C-alpha atoms as a PDB file:
ATOM      1  CA  MET A   1      20.182 106.298  58.697  1.00  0.00           C
ATOM      2  CA  SER A   2      18.410 107.760  55.644  1.00  0.00           C
ATOM      3  CA  GLN A   3      19.996 108.305  52.257  1.00  0.00           C
ATOM      4  CA  ASP A   4      19.306 112.036  52.518  1.00  0.00           C
ATOM      5  CA  SER A   5      21.453 112.280  55.641  1.00  0.00           C
ATOM      6  CA  LEU A   6      24.463 110.993  53.685  1.00  0.00           C
ATOM      7  CA  GLN A   7      24.274 113.640  50.993  1.00  0.00           C
ATOM      8  CA  THR A   8      27.074 116.196  50.803  1.00  0.00           C
ATOM      9  CA  GLU A   9      26.170 119.793  51.405  1.00  0.00           C
ATOM     10  CA  VAL A  10      28.068 122.554  49.611  1.00  0.00           C
ATOM     11  CA  HIS A  11      27.594 126.138  50.794  1.00  0.00           C
ATOM     12  CA  LYS A  12      28.713 129.122  48.776  1.00  0.00           C
ATOM     13  CA  PRO A  13      29.476 132.609  50.088  1.00  0.00           C
ATOM     14  CA  SER A  14      26.226 134.244  51.039  1.00  0.00           C
ATOM     15  CA  SER A  15      27.140 137.927  50.909  1.00  0.00           C
ATOM     16  CA  ASP A  16      28.629 140.271  48.318  1.00  0.00           C
ATOM     17  CA  ASN A  17      29.391 142.949  50.905  1.00  0.00           C
ATOM     18  CA  PRO A  18      33.197 143.662  50.882  1.00  0.00           C
ATOM     19  CA  SER A  19      33.380 143.850  54.695  1.00  0.00           C
ATOM     20  CA  ASP A  20      31.599 140.500  54.990  1.00  0.00           C
ATOM     21  CA  LYS A  21      34.048 138.978  52.523  1.00  0.00           C
ATOM     22  CA  ILE A  22      37.017 140.128  54.640  1.00  0.00           C
ATOM     23  CA  VAL A  23      35.442 138.650  57.776  1.00  0.00           C
ATOM     24  CA  GLU A  24      34.686 135.434  55.887  1.00  0.00           C
ATOM     25  CA  LEU A  25      38.282 135.183  54.655  1.00  0.00           C
ATOM     26  CA  LEU A  26      39.701 135.722  58.163  1.00  0.00           C
ATOM     27  CA  GLY A  27      37.241 133.168  59.519  1.00  0.00           C
ATOM     28  CA  GLY A  28      38.833 130.599  57.242  1.00  0.00           C
ATOM     29  CA  ILE A  29      41.969 130.593  59.415  1.00  0.00           C
ATOM     30  CA  GLY A  30      40.142 128.890  62.290  1.00  0.00           C
ATOM     31  CA  ASP A  31      38.919 125.321  62.592  1.00  0.00           C
ATOM     32  CA  HIS A  32      35.510 124.130  61.412  1.00  0.00           C
ATOM     33  CA  TYR A  33      33.242 121.098  61.617  1.00  0.00           C
ATOM     34  CA  GLU A  34      32.989 121.048  57.815  1.00  0.00           C
ATOM     35  CA  PHE A  35      35.669 120.483  55.202  1.00  0.00           C
ATOM     36  CA  ASN A  36      36.496 123.950  53.898  1.00  0.00           C
ATOM     37  CA  TYR A  37      38.161 124.639  50.589  1.00  0.00           C
ATOM     38  CA  SER A  38      38.359 128.290  49.639  1.00  0.00           C
ATOM     39  CA  THR A  39      34.902 129.725  50.446  1.00  0.00           C
ATOM     40  CA  PHE A  40      33.132 126.397  49.898  1.00  0.00           C
ATOM     41  CA  HIS A  41      32.041 124.214  52.816  1.00  0.00           C
ATOM     42  CA  PHE A  42      31.543 120.471  52.316  1.00  0.00           C
ATOM     43  CA  ASP A  43      29.530 118.580  54.925  1.00  0.00           C
ATOM     44  CA  ILE A  44      31.523 115.343  54.581  1.00  0.00           C
ATOM     45  CA  LEU A  45      33.430 115.042  57.878  1.00  0.00           C
ATOM     46  CA  PRO A  46      32.367 112.364  60.412  1.00  0.00           C
ATOM     47  CA  PHE A  47      31.217 113.275  63.916  1.00  0.00           C
ATOM     48  CA  ILE A  48      32.481 110.998  66.693  1.00  0.00           C
ATOM     49  CA  PHE A  49      31.430 111.422  70.329  1.00  0.00           C
ATOM     50  CA  TYR A  50      32.083 109.446  73.463  1.00  0.00           C
ATOM     51  CA  ASP A  51      29.082 110.435  75.541  1.00  0.00           C
ATOM     52  CA  LYS A  52      27.405 108.879  78.581  1.00  0.00           C
ATOM     53  CA  GLY A  53      29.482 105.721  78.425  1.00  0.00           C
ATOM     54  CA  SER A  54      29.184 104.889  74.715  1.00  0.00           C
ATOM     55  CA  PHE A  55      30.471 105.975  71.308  1.00  0.00           C
ATOM     56  CA  HIS A  56      28.264 107.768  68.801  1.00  0.00           C
ATOM     57  CA  PHE A  57      29.178 107.870  65.094  1.00  0.00           C
ATOM     58  CA  PHE A  58      27.600 110.097  62.433  1.00  0.00           C
ATOM     59  CA  SER A  59      28.708 110.380  58.800  1.00  0.00           C
ATOM     60  CA  ASN A  60      28.314 114.182  58.714  1.00  0.00           C
ATOM     61  CA  LYS A  61      26.629 117.146  60.380  1.00  0.00           C
ATOM     62  CA  LYS A  62      23.321 116.555  58.627  1.00  0.00           C
ATOM     63  CA  SER A  63      23.053 112.953  59.823  1.00  0.00           C
ATOM     64  CA  MET A  64      24.012 114.023  63.356  1.00  0.00           C
ATOM     65  CA  GLU A  65      21.186 116.548  63.511  1.00  0.00           C
ATOM     66  CA  ALA A  66      18.780 114.090  61.841  1.00  0.00           C
ATOM     67  CA  SER A  67      19.360 111.639  64.699  1.00  0.00           C
ATOM     68  CA  GLY A  68      17.673 114.084  67.096  1.00  0.00           C
ATOM     69  CA  ASP A  69      20.272 113.434  69.824  1.00  0.00           C
ATOM     70  CA  TYR A  70      22.566 116.351  69.020  1.00  0.00           C
ATOM     71  CA  ILE A  71      22.223 119.808  67.510  1.00  0.00           C
ATOM     72  CA  PHE A  72      24.582 122.663  66.658  1.00  0.00           C
ATOM     73  CA  GLU A  73      24.602 125.569  69.100  1.00  0.00           C
ATOM     74  CA  HIS A  74      27.112 128.447  68.923  1.00  0.00           C
ATOM     75  CA  HIS A  75      29.038 126.549  66.207  1.00  0.00           C
ATOM     76  CA  HIS A  76      29.544 123.487  68.427  1.00  0.00           C
ATOM     77  CA  PRO A  77      27.611 120.206  68.829  1.00  0.00           C
ATOM     78  CA  VAL A  78      25.556 119.854  72.016  1.00  0.00           C
ATOM     79  CA  ARG A  79      23.079 117.310  73.356  1.00  0.00           C
ATOM     80  CA  THR A  80      19.475 118.074  72.420  1.00  0.00           C
ATOM     81  CA  SER A  81      18.261 117.050  75.862  1.00  0.00           C
ATOM     82  CA  ASP A  82      20.307 119.416  78.057  1.00  0.00           C
ATOM     83  CA  HIS A  83      22.265 121.571  75.548  1.00  0.00           C
ATOM     84  CA  GLN A  84      25.558 120.383  77.040  1.00  0.00           C
ATOM     85  CA  ALA A  85      28.614 119.409  75.002  1.00  0.00           C
ATOM     86  CA  PRO A  86      29.380 115.671  74.647  1.00  0.00           C
ATOM     87  CA  ASP A  87      31.691 114.207  77.285  1.00  0.00           C
ATOM     88  CA  LEU A  88      34.438 113.738  74.680  1.00  0.00           C
ATOM     89  CA  ASP A  89      34.344 115.191  71.174  1.00  0.00           C
ATOM     90  CA  LEU A  90      36.537 113.150  68.763  1.00  0.00           C
ATOM     91  CA  THR A  91      35.114 114.702  65.609  1.00  0.00           C
ATOM     92  CA  VAL A  92      37.336 114.972  62.530  1.00  0.00           C
ATOM     93  CA  THR A  93      37.428 118.729  61.996  1.00  0.00           C
ATOM     94  CA  ASN A  94      38.646 120.666  58.969  1.00  0.00           C
ATOM     95  CA  LEU A  95      42.243 121.056  60.182  1.00  0.00           C
ATOM     96  CA  VAL A  96      42.396 117.415  61.292  1.00  0.00           C
ATOM     97  CA  ALA A  97      41.332 116.458  57.753  1.00  0.00           C
ATOM     98  CA  PHE A  98      44.177 118.539  56.325  1.00  0.00           C
ATOM     99  CA  GLN A  99      46.594 116.801  58.706  1.00  0.00           C
ATOM    100  CA  PHE A 100      45.349 113.430  57.414  1.00  0.00           C
ATOM    101  CA  ILE A 101      45.921 114.672  53.865  1.00  0.00           C
ATOM    102  CA  ALA A 102      49.462 115.736  54.795  1.00  0.00           C
ATOM    103  CA  ALA A 103      50.151 112.359  56.434  1.00  0.00           C
ATOM    104  CA  VAL A 104      48.912 110.489  53.344  1.00  0.00           C
ATOM    105  CA  LEU A 105      51.078 112.663  51.062  1.00  0.00           C
ATOM    106  CA  VAL A 106      54.197 112.109  53.194  1.00  0.00           C
ATOM    107  CA  ILE A 107      53.649 108.338  53.444  1.00  0.00           C
ATOM    108  CA  THR A 108      52.960 108.103  49.690  1.00  0.00           C
ATOM    109  CA  ALA A 109      56.115 110.078  48.877  1.00  0.00           C
ATOM    110  CA  PHE A 110      58.320 107.843  51.039  1.00  0.00           C
ATOM    111  CA  PHE A 111      56.804 104.648  49.614  1.00  0.00           C
ATOM    112  CA  LYS A 112      57.290 105.982  46.096  1.00  0.00           C
ATOM    113  CA  ILE A 113      60.991 106.790  46.484  1.00  0.00           C
ATOM    114  CA  SER A 114      61.719 103.628  48.498  1.00  0.00           C
ATOM    115  CA  GLY A 115      60.067 101.591  45.732  1.00  0.00           C
ATOM    116  CA  LYS A 116      62.315 103.205  43.126  1.00  0.00           C
ATOM    117  CA  TYR A 117      65.422 102.420  45.195  1.00  0.00           C
ATOM    118  CA  ARG A 118      64.350  98.792  45.524  1.00  0.00           C
ATOM    119  CA  LYS A 119      63.695  98.463  41.788  1.00  0.00           C
ATOM    120  CA  GLU A 120      66.830 100.275  40.574  1.00  0.00           C
ATOM    121  CA  PRO A 121      69.274 100.572  43.499  1.00  0.00           C
ATOM    122  CA  LYS A 122      72.225 101.618  41.316  1.00  0.00           C
ATOM    123  CA  LYS A 123      70.396 104.205  39.229  1.00  0.00           C
ATOM    124  CA  ALA A 124      71.113 107.858  40.043  1.00  0.00           C
ATOM    125  CA  PRO A 125      68.050 109.622  41.481  1.00  0.00           C
ATOM    126  CA  SER A 126      66.245 112.177  39.337  1.00  0.00           C
ATOM    127  CA  GLY A 127      63.237 114.433  39.534  1.00  0.00           C
ATOM    128  CA  PHE A 128      61.079 114.029  42.635  1.00  0.00           C
ATOM    129  CA  GLN A 129      63.316 111.248  43.961  1.00  0.00           C
ATOM    130  CA  ASN A 130      66.330 113.554  43.767  1.00  0.00           C
ATOM    131  CA  LEU A 131      64.446 116.328  45.584  1.00  0.00           C
ATOM    132  CA  MET A 132      63.390 113.977  48.386  1.00  0.00           C
ATOM    133  CA  GLU A 133      66.893 112.551  48.722  1.00  0.00           C
ATOM    134  CA  SER A 134      68.351 116.061  48.982  1.00  0.00           C
ATOM    135  CA  LEU A 135      65.924 116.978  51.768  1.00  0.00           C
ATOM    136  CA  ILE A 136      66.514 113.681  53.596  1.00  0.00           C
ATOM    137  CA  LEU A 137      70.290 114.145  53.436  1.00  0.00           C
ATOM    138  CA  PHE A 138      69.878 117.737  54.620  1.00  0.00           C
ATOM    139  CA  VAL A 139      67.935 116.643  57.711  1.00  0.00           C
ATOM    140  CA  ARG A 140      70.380 113.813  58.436  1.00  0.00           C
ATOM    141  CA  GLU A 141      73.647 115.652  57.805  1.00  0.00           C
ATOM    142  CA  ASP A 142      72.804 119.218  58.879  1.00  0.00           C
ATOM    143  CA  VAL A 143      70.179 118.753  61.602  1.00  0.00           C
ATOM    144  CA  VAL A 144      70.486 115.344  63.288  1.00  0.00           C
ATOM    145  CA  LYS A 145      74.150 114.299  63.104  1.00  0.00           C
ATOM    146  CA  PRO A 146      75.696 117.643  64.213  1.00  0.00           C
ATOM    147  CA  ASN A 147      73.556 117.661  67.376  1.00  0.00           C
ATOM    148  CA  LEU A 148      73.381 114.004  68.442  1.00  0.00           C
ATOM    149  CA  ASP A 149      75.827 111.162  68.958  1.00  0.00           C
ATOM    150  CA  THR A 150      75.862 108.289  66.467  1.00  0.00           C
ATOM    151  CA  LYS A 151      73.636 105.909  68.445  1.00  0.00           C
ATOM    152  CA  THR A 152      71.019 108.536  69.279  1.00  0.00           C
ATOM    153  CA  SER A 153      70.976 109.932  65.736  1.00  0.00           C
ATOM    154  CA  LYS A 154      70.352 106.456  64.268  1.00  0.00           C
ATOM    155  CA  MET A 155      67.614 105.862  66.831  1.00  0.00           C
ATOM    156  CA  LEU A 156      65.807 109.152  66.146  1.00  0.00           C
ATOM    157  CA  LEU A 157      66.440 109.755  62.436  1.00  0.00           C
ATOM    158  CA  PRO A 158      63.024 108.309  61.380  1.00  0.00           C
ATOM    159  CA  TYR A 159      61.300 110.568  63.925  1.00  0.00           C
ATOM    160  CA  PHE A 160      63.107 113.712  62.755  1.00  0.00           C
ATOM    161  CA  LEU A 161      62.471 112.926  59.079  1.00  0.00           C
ATOM    162  CA  THR A 162      58.780 112.373  59.808  1.00  0.00           C
ATOM    163  CA  LEU A 163      58.617 115.572  61.871  1.00  0.00           C
ATOM    164  CA  PHE A 164      60.308 117.712  59.223  1.00  0.00           C
ATOM    165  CA  PHE A 165      58.315 116.433  56.240  1.00  0.00           C
ATOM    166  CA  PHE A 166      54.988 116.424  58.081  1.00  0.00           C
ATOM    167  CA  ILE A 167      55.353 120.053  59.226  1.00  0.00           C
ATOM    168  CA  LEU A 168      56.619 121.077  55.782  1.00  0.00           C
ATOM    169  CA  VAL A 169      53.696 119.472  53.919  1.00  0.00           C
ATOM    170  CA  VAL A 170      51.131 120.831  56.409  1.00  0.00           C
ATOM    171  CA  ASN A 171      52.620 124.311  55.964  1.00  0.00           C
ATOM    172  CA  LEU A 172      52.625 124.023  52.165  1.00  0.00           C
ATOM    173  CA  LEU A 173      48.985 122.861  52.117  1.00  0.00           C
ATOM    174  CA  GLY A 174      48.171 126.256  53.586  1.00  0.00           C
ATOM    175  CA  MET A 175      49.870 127.844  50.554  1.00  0.00           C
ATOM    176  CA  VAL A 176      47.649 126.000  48.069  1.00  0.00           C
ATOM    177  CA  PRO A 177      44.885 128.431  47.002  1.00  0.00           C
ATOM    178  CA  GLY A 178      41.894 127.600  49.160  1.00  0.00           C
ATOM    179  CA  GLY A 179      43.886 125.285  51.432  1.00  0.00           C
ATOM    180  CA  HIS A 180      44.440 125.466  55.187  1.00  0.00           C
ATOM    181  CA  ALA A 181      47.573 125.038  57.303  1.00  0.00           C
ATOM    182  CA  ALA A 182      46.870 123.045  60.470  1.00  0.00           C
ATOM    183  CA  THR A 183      50.032 124.523  61.989  1.00  0.00           C
ATOM    184  CA  GLY A 184      48.086 127.778  62.205  1.00  0.00           C
ATOM    185  CA  ASN A 185      46.105 126.134  65.009  1.00  0.00           C
ATOM    186  CA  LEU A 186      47.533 125.976  68.534  1.00  0.00           C
ATOM    187  CA  GLY A 187      46.063 122.519  69.098  1.00  0.00           C
ATOM    188  CA  ALA A 188      48.057 121.035  66.207  1.00  0.00           C
ATOM    189  CA  THR A 189      51.353 122.669  67.190  1.00  0.00           C
ATOM    190  CA  SER A 190      50.777 121.714  70.838  1.00  0.00           C
ATOM    191  CA  ALA A 191      50.328 118.064  69.835  1.00  0.00           C
ATOM    192  CA  LEU A 192      53.663 118.170  67.974  1.00  0.00           C
ATOM    193  CA  ALA A 193      55.298 119.828  70.995  1.00  0.00           C
ATOM    194  CA  ILE A 194      53.883 117.225  73.424  1.00  0.00           C
ATOM    195  CA  ILE A 195      55.298 114.431  71.259  1.00  0.00           C
ATOM    196  CA  ALA A 196      58.658 116.252  71.232  1.00  0.00           C
ATOM    197  CA  PHE A 197      58.519 116.540  75.044  1.00  0.00           C
ATOM    198  CA  PHE A 198      58.092 112.785  75.443  1.00  0.00           C
ATOM    199  CA  VAL A 199      60.781 112.040  72.841  1.00  0.00           C
ATOM    200  CA  ILE A 200      63.273 114.328  74.598  1.00  0.00           C
ATOM    201  CA  ASN A 201      62.748 112.825  78.029  1.00  0.00           C
ATOM    202  CA  ILE A 202      62.286 109.179  77.022  1.00  0.00           C
ATOM    203  CA  VAL A 203      65.505 109.276  74.989  1.00  0.00           C
ATOM    204  CA  ALA A 204      67.318 110.904  77.929  1.00  0.00           C
ATOM    205  CA  ILE A 205      66.108 108.101  80.227  1.00  0.00           C
ATOM    206  CA  VAL A 206      66.992 105.353  77.727  1.00  0.00           C
ATOM    207  CA  ARG A 207      70.459 106.741  76.973  1.00  0.00           C
ATOM    208  CA  THR A 208      71.540 107.679  80.515  1.00  0.00           C
ATOM    209  CA  GLY A 209      69.258 105.793  82.903  1.00  0.00           C
ATOM    210  CA  ILE A 210      66.368 106.810  85.125  1.00  0.00           C
ATOM    211  CA  GLY A 211      68.677 107.555  88.048  1.00  0.00           C
ATOM    212  CA  HIS A 212      70.713 110.152  86.171  1.00  0.00           C
ATOM    213  CA  TRP A 213      67.549 111.636  84.662  1.00  0.00           C
ATOM    214  CA  LEU A 214      66.097 112.119  88.151  1.00  0.00           C
ATOM    215  CA  ALA A 215      69.427 113.541  89.365  1.00  0.00           C
ATOM    216  CA  HIS A 216      69.234 116.038  86.508  1.00  0.00           C
ATOM    217  CA  LEU A 217      66.094 117.494  88.128  1.00  0.00           C
ATOM    218  CA  LEU A 218      68.352 118.869  90.860  1.00  0.00           C
ATOM    219  CA  GLY A 219      70.332 120.829  88.287  1.00  0.00           C
ATOM    220  CA  GLY A 220      73.574 119.945  90.097  1.00  0.00           C
ATOM    221  CA  ALA A 221      72.400 121.529  93.376  1.00  0.00           C
ATOM    222  CA  PRO A 222      72.590 119.856  96.817  1.00  0.00           C
ATOM    223  CA  ILE A 223      69.750 117.521  97.752  1.00  0.00           C
ATOM    224  CA  TRP A 224      68.403 119.933 100.383  1.00  0.00           C
ATOM    225  CA  LEU A 225      67.562 122.388  97.581  1.00  0.00           C
ATOM    226  CA  ALA A 226      65.299 119.809  95.888  1.00  0.00           C
ATOM    227  CA  PRO A 227      62.005 121.558  96.900  1.00  0.00           C
ATOM    228  CA  LEU A 228      63.211 124.633  95.013  1.00  0.00           C
ATOM    229  CA  MET A 229      65.216 123.134  92.143  1.00  0.00           C
ATOM    230  CA  VAL A 230      62.930 120.275  91.074  1.00  0.00           C
ATOM    231  CA  PRO A 231      59.897 122.523  90.292  1.00  0.00           C
ATOM    232  CA  LEU A 232      62.192 124.951  88.433  1.00  0.00           C
ATOM    233  CA  GLU A 233      63.746 122.160  86.361  1.00  0.00           C
ATOM    234  CA  ILE A 234      60.331 120.685  85.565  1.00  0.00           C
ATOM    235  CA  MET A 235      59.123 124.144  84.521  1.00  0.00           C
ATOM    236  CA  GLY A 236      62.158 124.477  82.265  1.00  0.00           C
ATOM    237  CA  MET A 237      61.409 121.089  80.683  1.00  0.00           C
ATOM    238  CA  LEU A 238      57.839 122.227  79.953  1.00  0.00           C
ATOM    239  CA  VAL A 239      58.853 125.647  78.611  1.00  0.00           C
ATOM    240  CA  LYS A 240      60.916 124.150  75.783  1.00  0.00           C
ATOM    241  CA  PRO A 241      58.052 122.356  73.989  1.00  0.00           C
ATOM    242  CA  PHE A 242      55.715 125.269  74.802  1.00  0.00           C
ATOM    243  CA  ALA A 243      58.136 127.605  72.999  1.00  0.00           C
ATOM    244  CA  LEU A 244      58.206 125.211  70.027  1.00  0.00           C
ATOM    245  CA  ALA A 245      54.406 125.204  69.797  1.00  0.00           C
ATOM    246  CA  MET A 246      54.006 128.977  70.155  1.00  0.00           C
ATOM    247  CA  ARG A 247      56.792 129.823  67.678  1.00  0.00           C
ATOM    248  CA  LEU A 248      55.359 127.634  64.914  1.00  0.00           C
ATOM    249  CA  PHE A 249      51.759 128.688  65.596  1.00  0.00           C
ATOM    250  CA  ALA A 250      52.460 132.438  65.784  1.00  0.00           C
ATOM    251  CA  ASN A 251      54.581 132.593  62.642  1.00  0.00           C
ATOM    252  CA  MET A 252      52.159 130.596  60.510  1.00  0.00           C
ATOM    253  CA  VAL A 253      49.121 132.566  61.705  1.00  0.00           C
ATOM    254  CA  ALA A 254      50.830 135.958  61.253  1.00  0.00           C
ATOM    255  CA  GLY A 255      51.610 135.388  57.591  1.00  0.00           C
ATOM    256  CA  HIS A 256      48.149 134.037  56.824  1.00  0.00           C
ATOM    257  CA  VAL A 257      46.427 136.954  58.563  1.00  0.00           C
ATOM    258  CA  VAL A 258      48.452 139.522  56.578  1.00  0.00           C
ATOM    259  CA  LEU A 259      47.770 137.672  53.322  1.00  0.00           C
ATOM    260  CA  TYR A 260      44.019 137.370  54.006  1.00  0.00           C
ATOM    261  CA  ILE A 261      43.775 141.051  54.955  1.00  0.00           C
ATOM    262  CA  LEU A 262      45.519 142.123  51.740  1.00  0.00           C
ATOM    263  CA  ILE A 263      43.190 139.928  49.667  1.00  0.00           C
ATOM    264  CA  GLY A 264      40.196 141.276  51.596  1.00  0.00           C
ATOM    265  CA  LEU A 265      41.258 144.861  50.942  1.00  0.00           C
ATOM    266  CA  ILE A 266      41.063 144.165  47.213  1.00  0.00           C
ATOM    267  CA  PHE A 267      37.309 143.593  47.646  1.00  0.00           C
ATOM    268  CA  LEU A 268      37.066 146.748  49.753  1.00  0.00           C
ATOM    269  CA  PHE A 269      38.961 149.179  47.491  1.00  0.00           C
ATOM    270  CA  GLY A 270      38.196 147.573  44.146  1.00  0.00           C
ATOM    271  CA  LEU A 271      40.202 148.431  41.006  1.00  0.00           C
ATOM    272  CA  LEU A 272      41.698 151.610  42.481  1.00  0.00           C
ATOM    273  CA  MET A 273      44.246 149.889  44.745  1.00  0.00           C
ATOM    274  CA  SER A 274      44.139 146.363  43.340  1.00  0.00           C
ATOM    275  CA  PRO A 275      47.486 146.468  41.410  1.00  0.00           C
ATOM    276  CA  ILE A 276      49.394 147.527  44.546  1.00  0.00           C
ATOM    277  CA  LEU A 277      47.523 145.104  46.809  1.00  0.00           C
ATOM    278  CA  VAL A 278      47.999 142.219  44.373  1.00  0.00           C
ATOM    279  CA  GLY A 279      51.719 142.994  44.258  1.00  0.00           C
ATOM    280  CA  PHE A 280      51.964 142.989  48.053  1.00  0.00           C
ATOM    281  CA  SER A 281      49.905 139.776  48.209  1.00  0.00           C
ATOM    282  CA  ILE A 282      52.265 138.003  45.794  1.00  0.00           C
ATOM    283  CA  PHE A 283      55.265 139.167  47.828  1.00  0.00           C
ATOM    284  CA  ILE A 284      53.732 137.925  51.104  1.00  0.00           C
ATOM    285  CA  PHE A 285      52.757 134.652  49.410  1.00  0.00           C
ATOM    286  CA  MET A 286      56.339 134.029  48.268  1.00  0.00           C
ATOM    287  CA  LEU A 287      57.571 134.950  51.727  1.00  0.00           C
ATOM    288  CA  GLU A 288      55.105 132.475  53.256  1.00  0.00           C
ATOM    289  CA  ILE A 289      56.530 129.667  51.097  1.00  0.00           C
ATOM    290  CA  LEU A 290      59.986 130.472  52.509  1.00  0.00           C
ATOM    291  CA  VAL A 291      58.516 130.554  56.029  1.00  0.00           C
ATOM    292  CA  ALA A 292      56.901 127.126  55.452  1.00  0.00           C
ATOM    293  CA  PHE A 293      60.331 125.583  54.815  1.00  0.00           C
ATOM    294  CA  LEU A 294      62.085 127.681  57.445  1.00  0.00           C
ATOM    295  CA  HIS A 295      59.817 126.731  60.337  1.00  0.00           C
ATOM    296  CA  ALA A 296      59.798 123.038  59.464  1.00  0.00           C
ATOM    297  CA  TYR A 297      63.584 123.306  59.747  1.00  0.00           C
ATOM    298  CA  ILE A 298      63.503 125.388  62.951  1.00  0.00           C
ATOM    299  CA  PHE A 299      61.078 123.052  64.754  1.00  0.00           C
ATOM    300  CA  THR A 300      63.141 119.993  63.791  1.00  0.00           C
ATOM    301  CA  MET A 301      66.463 121.654  64.620  1.00  0.00           C
ATOM    302  CA  LEU A 302      65.340 122.902  68.041  1.00  0.00           C
ATOM    303  CA  THR A 303      63.907 119.497  68.919  1.00  0.00           C
ATOM    304  CA  ALA A 304      67.263 117.911  68.028  1.00  0.00           C
ATOM    305  CA  ILE A 305      69.080 120.504  70.146  1.00  0.00           C
ATOM    306  CA  PHE A 306      66.767 119.885  73.125  1.00  0.00           C
ATOM    307  CA  VAL A 307      67.377 116.133  72.836  1.00  0.00           C
ATOM    308  CA  SER A 308      71.116 116.820  72.723  1.00  0.00           C
ATOM    309  CA  LEU A 309      70.927 119.016  75.819  1.00  0.00           C
ATOM    310  CA  ALA A 310      68.909 116.415  77.730  1.00  0.00           C
ATOM    311  CA  VAL A 311      71.193 113.522  76.801  1.00  0.00           C
ATOM    312  CA  GLY A 312      74.454 115.473  76.926  1.00  0.00           C
ATOM    313  CA  HIS A 313      73.775 117.259  80.200  1.00  0.00           C
ATOM    314  CA  VAL A 314      72.690 114.111  81.998  1.00  0.00           C
ATOM    315  CA  HIS A 315      75.636 112.183  80.515  1.00  0.00           C
ATOM    316  CA  ASP A 316      78.108 114.812  81.727  1.00  0.00           C
ATOM    317  CA  GLU A 317      76.446 114.826  85.129  1.00  0.00           C
ATOM    318  CA  ALA A 318      76.814 111.027  85.326  1.00  0.00           C
ATOM    319  CA  HIS A 319      80.534 111.242  84.628  1.00  0.00           C
ATOM    320  CA  SER A 320      80.996 113.990  87.244  1.00  0.00           C
ATOM    321  CA  HIS A 321      79.389 111.754  89.858  1.00  0.00           C
END
């Protein structure tokens, strides 16, 4: 691999046309194979393919194309030989990179406050430590404990804390000027919802037993109605995480689209309407910060409620039998 292929490419906006700027701003909402910050594109993300029985690693887009095995076609990597996509594309995209950043920030924050507690366990928290403790107590006392029994809440508290802080930080990264919120991508919210689906059902099985979980699929109906009830119950189990994914995705995208359009209109109308548009943009921006906190709370709360319904309903059904 040559030294030139490892160099970072930075692309600046190529057009001064106001309409092109609006399109470019809206295009920033989607995912990309380059690390995007504001209108700058950094070719620093690795490309990873599993193709034709082996893994292929490239440090960035330039080194991938320099290999001669893959090229970019319609904004996606394809094989040079037959112009088909790789069998499995595991590339770290722009939104995946922002999720990694969020994960590192959350882990660093927890290690920082846990280190302070270990050093000075009797000292009253202050500053960032006090903020984190307030949020942790809020999730524990107002989200987890009111919905789950003591044993289940202790079992799942680390999961709910991780879920809340990860979604919150990912949302807030989208509020940083030039940043991107991965929760504005359906793939990211779907991954969170799939994890929630497994947590809900695995906890229900662990807490009540596989037999009662399977009996729950009948919904309390006679066994001869199983061909009708089981598919309906399974559909209901799938709808819950689907609703979680769509709610988070739609709300995060809606706010970003409105904000980008208002900023784009400033380029279109110039100084004439800029004071009004800037005022509206600031209002939407402040509203988006509230939405970032609100939907981290909603996703965590609804997941806790769904766990409670799964465990509670099956537990009640077991006692009735």
